[in-house]
Amino acid sequence: MLWSIAYAQEAAQKPGGIEQFVPWILIFAVFYFFLIRPQSKQRKEHAKFLEALKRGDQVLTASGILGRVEGLTDKFITLEVDEGVRFKVLKSQIAGHAKETN
């Protein structure tokens, strides 16, 4: 009786080298197409947006401050949020274009 069980277990095939990696390859593919690729695409679009900024554009910062671009450098943007009220923010903290609703 024990011989027949042992023989049956021996006859069962174990997955080969590539067959063990197929699930991992599928998981990576799903992560790539649903997470990694869209994020990198969005990052590239945001970088293009930041490069295209010019004086006078209405922008919204990541913290929710609405202002008009008054000055640009490589790392900083000077925003005018009200007449005579200006401050500098990091260029990377600009979230997008904004249209004033006044």
Protein backbone atom coordinates (compact mmCIF):
# COMPACT_ATOMS: atom_id res chain seq x y z
CA MET A 1 0.00 0.00 0.00
CA LEU A 2 2.76 2.47 0.86
CA TRP A 3 4.54 1.59 -2.35
CA SER A 4 1.62 2.62 -4.50
CA ILE A 5 1.30 6.02 -2.74
CA ALA A 6 5.00 6.72 -3.06
CA TYR A 7 4.96 5.71 -6.70
CA ALA A 8 1.99 8.02 -7.37
CA GLN A 9 3.75 10.96 -5.76
CA GLU A 10 6.87 10.29 -7.78
CA ALA A 11 4.84 10.18 -10.98
CA ALA A 12 3.35 13.65 -10.35
CA GLN A 13 5.32 16.22 -12.31
CA LYS A 14 6.78 19.29 -10.69
CA PRO A 15 6.59 22.54 -12.66
CA GLY A 16 9.65 23.33 -14.73
CA GLY A 17 11.90 26.36 -14.33
CA ILE A 18 9.97 28.73 -16.59
CA GLU A 19 6.59 27.54 -15.37
CA GLN A 20 7.42 28.71 -11.87
CA PHE A 21 8.06 32.26 -13.08
CA VAL A 22 4.96 32.68 -15.28
CA PRO A 23 2.73 33.94 -12.40
CA TRP A 24 5.41 36.45 -11.36
CA ILE A 25 5.76 37.68 -14.93
CA LEU A 26 1.98 38.15 -15.18
CA ILE A 27 1.87 40.05 -11.89
CA PHE A 28 4.67 42.35 -13.03
CA ALA A 29 2.91 42.95 -16.35
CA VAL A 30 -0.31 43.95 -14.57
CA PHE A 31 1.59 46.32 -12.26
CA TYR A 32 3.43 47.83 -15.20
CA PHE A 33 0.36 48.51 -17.35
CA PHE A 34 -1.94 49.65 -14.55
CA LEU A 35 0.42 51.48 -12.18
CA ILE A 36 3.93 52.20 -13.42
CA ARG A 37 3.23 53.23 -17.01
CA PRO A 38 0.35 55.66 -16.28
CA GLN A 39 2.32 57.34 -13.48
CA SER A 40 5.39 57.87 -15.63
CA LYS A 41 3.19 59.22 -18.44
CA GLN A 42 1.54 61.66 -16.03
CA ARG A 43 4.94 62.72 -14.65
CA LYS A 44 6.19 63.48 -18.18
CA GLU A 45 3.08 65.55 -18.96
CA HIS A 46 3.51 67.52 -15.72
CA ALA A 47 7.18 68.19 -16.57
CA LYS A 48 6.14 69.51 -20.01
CA PHE A 49 3.52 71.71 -18.33
CA LEU A 50 6.11 73.18 -15.94
CA GLU A 51 8.51 73.89 -18.80
CA ALA A 52 5.76 75.68 -20.76
CA LEU A 53 4.84 78.05 -17.90
CA LYS A 54 5.23 81.72 -18.68
CA ARG A 55 4.67 85.01 -16.93
CA GLY A 56 0.99 85.84 -16.51
CA ASP A 57 -0.31 82.24 -16.34
CA GLN A 58 -2.88 81.49 -13.66
CA VAL A 59 -1.74 78.46 -11.64
CA LEU A 60 -2.83 76.44 -8.66
CA THR A 61 -0.29 75.14 -6.16
CA ALA A 62 -0.43 71.71 -4.56
CA SER A 63 -1.53 73.38 -1.31
CA GLY A 64 -4.48 75.06 -3.04
CA ILE A 65 -3.17 78.60 -3.50
CA LEU A 66 -4.31 80.34 -6.67
CA GLY A 67 -1.96 82.88 -8.18
CA ARG A 68 -0.52 84.46 -11.30
CA VAL A 69 3.06 83.74 -12.33
CA GLU A 70 5.20 86.87 -11.96
CA GLY A 71 8.69 85.39 -12.14
CA LEU A 72 10.36 82.12 -13.11
CA THR A 73 13.70 80.53 -12.30
CA ASP A 74 14.91 76.95 -12.63
CA LYS A 75 13.59 75.91 -9.20
CA PHE A 76 11.26 78.67 -8.02
CA ILE A 77 8.22 80.56 -9.25
CA THR A 78 7.11 83.91 -7.89
CA LEU A 79 3.34 84.04 -7.57
CA GLU A 80 1.18 87.09 -7.14
CA VAL A 81 -1.88 86.07 -5.13
CA ASP A 82 -3.27 89.56 -4.67
CA GLU A 83 -2.24 93.02 -5.77
CA GLY A 84 1.19 93.58 -4.25
CA VAL A 85 1.26 90.22 -2.45
CA ARG A 86 3.93 87.96 -3.89
CA PHE A 87 5.74 84.89 -2.68
CA LYS A 88 8.02 82.20 -4.01
CA VAL A 89 7.11 78.54 -4.28
CA LEU A 90 8.99 75.54 -5.58
CA LYS A 91 8.30 74.93 -9.24
CA SER A 92 7.53 71.27 -8.46
CA GLN A 93 4.65 72.35 -6.18
CA ILE A 94 2.62 73.81 -9.04
CA ALA A 95 -0.31 71.44 -9.56
CA GLY A 96 -1.83 72.85 -12.73
CA HIS A 97 -3.47 75.70 -14.60
CA ALA A 98 -6.35 77.45 -12.91
CA LYS A 99 -8.98 79.85 -14.14
CA GLU A 100 -10.11 82.55 -11.80
CA THR A 101 -13.89 82.65 -11.33
CA ASN A 102 -14.22 86.38 -10.50
